[in-house]
Protein backbone atom coordinates (compact mmCIF):
# COMPACT_ATOMS: atom_id res chain seq x y z
CA MET A 1 37.21 -41.27 87.27
CA LEU A 2 35.29 -38.16 88.30
CA ILE A 3 31.93 -38.43 90.14
CA VAL A 4 30.01 -35.21 89.44
CA GLY A 5 28.47 -34.46 92.94
CA ALA A 6 29.72 -34.99 96.36
CA ARG A 7 26.61 -35.44 98.53
CA GLY A 8 23.59 -37.61 98.52
CA HIS A 9 23.40 -39.67 95.52
CA ALA A 10 27.09 -39.39 94.88
CA ILE A 11 28.03 -41.17 97.94
CA GLU A 12 25.71 -43.90 97.24
CA ILE A 13 27.33 -44.09 93.55
CA LEU A 14 30.53 -44.79 95.46
CA GLN A 15 28.85 -48.06 96.72
CA CYS A 16 28.43 -49.05 93.14
CA LEU A 17 32.13 -48.78 92.33
CA PRO A 18 33.82 -51.28 94.57
CA HIS A 19 36.62 -51.74 92.00
CA LEU A 20 37.55 -47.97 92.33
CA ALA A 21 36.51 -47.39 96.12
CA GLU A 22 40.25 -48.12 97.04
CA ALA A 23 41.84 -46.38 94.05
CA ASP A 24 43.90 -43.14 94.23
CA SER A 25 42.36 -42.00 90.90
CA LEU A 26 38.60 -41.36 92.14
CA TYR A 27 37.61 -37.72 92.47
CA PHE A 28 34.43 -35.94 93.29
CA PHE A 29 33.23 -32.55 92.02
CA ASP A 30 31.16 -30.07 93.83
CA ASP A 31 31.34 -26.21 93.26
CA VAL A 32 28.17 -25.29 95.04
CA THR A 33 28.14 -26.69 98.60
CA PRO A 34 29.74 -24.26 100.99
CA ASP A 35 32.30 -25.55 103.59
CA LEU A 36 32.67 -28.98 101.97
CA GLU A 37 35.74 -30.91 103.02
CA LEU A 38 38.38 -31.14 100.46
CA LEU A 39 38.63 -34.85 101.03
CA LEU A 40 35.39 -36.73 101.09
CA PHE A 41 35.28 -39.35 103.94
CA GLY A 42 38.83 -38.25 104.58
CA LYS A 43 40.16 -39.96 101.38
CA TYR A 44 38.72 -38.97 98.12
CA PRO A 45 39.66 -35.45 96.67
CA VAL A 46 36.79 -33.02 95.78
CA LEU A 47 37.35 -30.68 93.12
CA ARG A 48 35.79 -27.24 93.88
CA SER A 49 36.05 -25.38 90.49
CA LEU A 50 35.57 -26.13 86.83
CA GLU A 51 39.01 -24.85 86.11
CA GLN A 52 40.29 -28.08 87.81
CA VAL A 53 38.52 -30.52 85.66
CA PRO A 54 40.39 -30.24 82.22
CA ALA A 55 43.75 -31.35 83.75
CA LEU A 56 42.06 -34.30 85.45
CA PHE A 57 40.44 -35.08 82.19
CA ARG A 58 43.60 -35.24 80.45
CA GLN A 59 44.72 -38.09 82.66
CA ASP A 60 41.41 -39.87 82.63
CA PRO A 61 38.42 -38.33 80.77
CA ALA A 62 35.71 -40.75 82.37
CA PHE A 63 32.94 -39.21 84.53
CA VAL A 64 29.77 -40.27 85.95
CA LEU A 65 26.67 -38.38 87.28
CA GLY A 66 26.26 -38.55 90.93
CA LEU A 67 23.32 -36.46 91.51
CA GLY A 68 19.48 -36.58 90.79
CA GLY A 69 17.15 -34.41 88.73
CA GLY A 70 16.99 -35.11 85.07
CA PRO A 71 17.21 -31.51 83.71
CA LEU A 72 20.40 -30.94 86.14
CA ARG A 73 21.98 -34.20 85.01
CA GLN A 74 21.39 -33.36 81.41
CA ARG A 75 23.01 -29.85 81.81
CA LEU A 76 26.02 -31.22 83.71
CA ALA A 77 26.43 -34.04 81.21
CA ASN A 78 26.61 -31.51 78.46
CA LYS A 79 29.08 -29.14 80.49
CA PHE A 80 31.55 -31.99 81.41
CA ARG A 81 31.64 -33.32 77.86
CA GLY A 82 32.57 -29.77 76.85
CA LEU A 83 35.42 -29.88 79.18
CA GLY A 84 36.81 -32.91 77.49
CA GLY A 85 35.05 -35.65 79.66
CA GLN A 86 33.48 -38.94 78.46
CA LEU A 87 30.15 -39.86 80.06
CA GLN A 88 30.14 -43.36 81.64
CA SER A 89 27.35 -45.53 83.21
CA VAL A 90 27.35 -47.07 86.52
CA VAL A 91 25.80 -50.49 86.89
CA ALA A 92 25.52 -52.01 90.49
CA SER A 93 26.61 -55.60 90.90
CA SER A 94 23.23 -56.60 92.31
CA ALA A 95 21.31 -55.16 89.35
CA GLN A 96 19.43 -57.81 87.28
CA ILE A 97 19.54 -56.86 83.68
CA GLY A 98 17.96 -58.91 80.88
CA GLN A 99 20.29 -60.44 78.18
CA HIS A 100 17.86 -60.02 75.15
CA GLU A 101 17.04 -56.91 73.21
CA VAL A 102 18.04 -54.57 76.11
CA GLU A 103 19.30 -51.10 75.19
CA LEU A 104 21.28 -49.03 77.65
CA GLY A 105 22.27 -45.51 76.85
CA ALA A 106 25.44 -43.64 78.06
CA GLY A 107 25.53 -42.24 81.48
CA LEU A 108 23.03 -44.35 83.40
CA ASN A 109 23.04 -44.77 87.03
CA ILE A 110 21.64 -48.34 87.75
CA MET A 111 21.63 -48.70 91.43
CA HIS A 112 21.58 -51.79 93.80
CA HIS A 113 18.63 -54.30 93.53
CA THR A 114 16.98 -52.98 90.44
CA PHE A 115 15.25 -55.17 87.65
CA VAL A 116 15.54 -54.44 84.14
CA ALA A 117 13.60 -56.85 81.93
CA ASN A 118 14.30 -58.23 78.36
CA ALA A 119 13.20 -56.13 75.52
CA THR A 120 13.49 -52.78 77.31
CA ARG A 121 15.18 -49.40 76.50
CA LEU A 122 16.87 -47.01 78.94
CA GLY A 123 17.80 -43.54 77.36
CA GLU A 124 20.96 -41.61 78.13
CA GLY A 125 21.49 -40.30 81.60
CA THR A 126 18.61 -42.00 83.14
CA LEU A 127 18.82 -42.88 86.92
CA LEU A 128 17.20 -46.13 87.91
CA ASN A 129 17.42 -45.95 91.75
CA ALA A 130 17.63 -48.76 94.25
CA GLY A 131 14.86 -51.31 94.05
CA ALA A 132 13.15 -49.94 91.00
CA ALA A 133 11.90 -52.36 88.40
CA VAL A 134 11.58 -51.95 84.59
CA HIS A 135 9.44 -54.66 83.09
CA HIS A 136 9.31 -56.06 79.52
CA ASN A 137 8.92 -53.78 76.51
CA VAL A 138 9.16 -50.61 78.51
CA VAL A 139 10.78 -47.68 76.87
CA VAL A 140 12.43 -44.98 79.12
CA GLY A 141 13.57 -41.67 77.54
CA ASN A 142 16.67 -39.61 78.14
CA TYR A 143 17.44 -38.14 81.57
CA CYS A 144 14.44 -39.66 83.37
CA GLU A 145 14.67 -40.30 87.19
CA ILE A 146 12.96 -43.47 88.59
CA SER A 147 12.85 -43.28 92.22
CA PRO A 148 13.48 -46.15 94.69
CA GLY A 149 10.99 -48.97 94.60
CA ALA A 150 9.11 -47.41 91.51
CA ARG A 151 7.69 -49.98 88.98
CA LEU A 152 7.41 -49.55 85.25
CA LEU A 153 5.00 -52.35 84.04
CA GLY A 154 4.99 -53.93 80.72
CA GLY A 155 4.97 -51.78 77.57
CA CYS A 156 4.71 -48.41 79.04
CA GLN A 157 6.55 -45.62 77.70
CA LEU A 158 8.35 -42.61 79.37
CA ASP A 159 9.46 -39.59 77.19
CA ASP A 160 12.47 -37.53 78.17
CA LEU A 161 12.95 -36.05 81.64
CA VAL A 162 10.19 -37.88 83.44
CA MET A 163 10.42 -38.13 86.98
CA VAL A 164 8.70 -41.18 88.89
CA GLY A 165 8.44 -40.92 92.69
CA ALA A 166 9.32 -43.50 95.24
CA ASN A 167 7.19 -46.73 95.08
CA ALA A 168 5.06 -45.29 92.31
CA THR A 169 3.59 -47.55 89.61
CA VAL A 170 2.96 -46.97 85.97
CA LEU A 171 0.60 -49.47 84.64
CA PRO A 172 1.24 -51.44 81.34
CA ARG A 173 0.92 -49.85 77.84
CA LEU A 174 0.55 -46.19 79.16
CA LYS A 175 2.44 -43.25 78.00
CA VAL A 176 3.89 -40.62 80.21
CA GLY A 177 4.79 -37.31 78.28
CA ALA A 178 8.11 -35.41 78.47
CA GLY A 179 8.87 -33.63 81.75
CA ALA A 180 5.98 -35.09 83.66
CA LYS A 181 6.16 -35.85 87.34
CA ILE A 182 4.68 -38.90 89.00
CA GLY A 183 4.36 -38.46 92.85
CA ALA A 184 5.64 -40.93 95.42
CA GLY A 185 3.30 -43.89 95.76
CA ALA A 186 1.01 -42.98 92.81
CA VAL A 187 -0.61 -45.44 90.65
CA VAL A 188 -0.85 -44.10 87.02
CA ILE A 189 -4.01 -45.58 85.35
CA GLN A 190 -4.03 -43.34 82.26
CA ASP A 191 -1.83 -41.69 79.88
CA VAL A 192 -0.07 -38.53 81.31
CA PRO A 193 0.29 -35.31 79.09
CA ALA A 194 3.80 -33.80 78.84
CA GLY A 195 4.67 -31.52 81.76
CA ALA A 196 1.74 -32.81 83.89
CA THR A 197 2.00 -33.85 87.67
CA VAL A 198 0.09 -36.92 88.89
CA VAL A 199 -0.44 -37.91 92.43
CA GLY A 200 -2.63 -40.40 94.40
CA VAL A 201 -4.26 -43.93 94.03
CA PRO A 202 -5.65 -44.03 91.50
CA GLY A 203 -3.44 -41.39 89.97
CA ARG A 204 -4.99 -37.91 88.94
CA ILE A 205 -3.59 -35.12 87.27
CA VAL A 206 -3.22 -32.16 89.71
CA ARG A 207 -1.18 -29.92 87.47
CA ARG A 208 -0.71 -29.44 83.72
CA ALA A 209 1.92 -27.77 81.83
CA VAL A 210 1.49 -24.10 81.23
CA ALA A 211 1.00 -23.49 77.54
CA ALA A 212 3.61 -21.25 75.94
CA GLU A 213 2.21 -17.85 74.86
């Protein structure tokens, strides 16, 4: 399996793959970090160019996203699929996931000590970081990033590419538009337009999307 990324979030992903942590078939990919060691932790090979990837995918096409940022995750998912890869999800053993009417898209990162209630949906490529909670009837779009400790309360809806900061809360039945950003610790008390940025308690919109000309 290939983990796309070799720093930060990628090394936390490793903790969610204990069945692979001792395997000889686990690789990382990073073609942007200068002077990166060719063996991560002295053990795991790091591929440094896209030209190396197709040969690996002919042996094992599975890859997971090991970095944050919804738009970047989406671009890399498409790029590595184009090289012959098959996008996989990572679900930590300590995650609590409901057993009824839960829809999980491909390519998720569901990290340790997260909570996903019954009657929820997580779209493709979404990152649910450590300690985050998704409560009943919540719908999360594709390639969203839910930061550590964030809480999405019952019936709220996030469109694609939303970022929710650490320890932020979205109150029940609210809608957050595509590409919106919720600052760390904010409490969202009203619907958020697409592309807007919300900060504070109670949450207030401090930036709106620039209308296309």
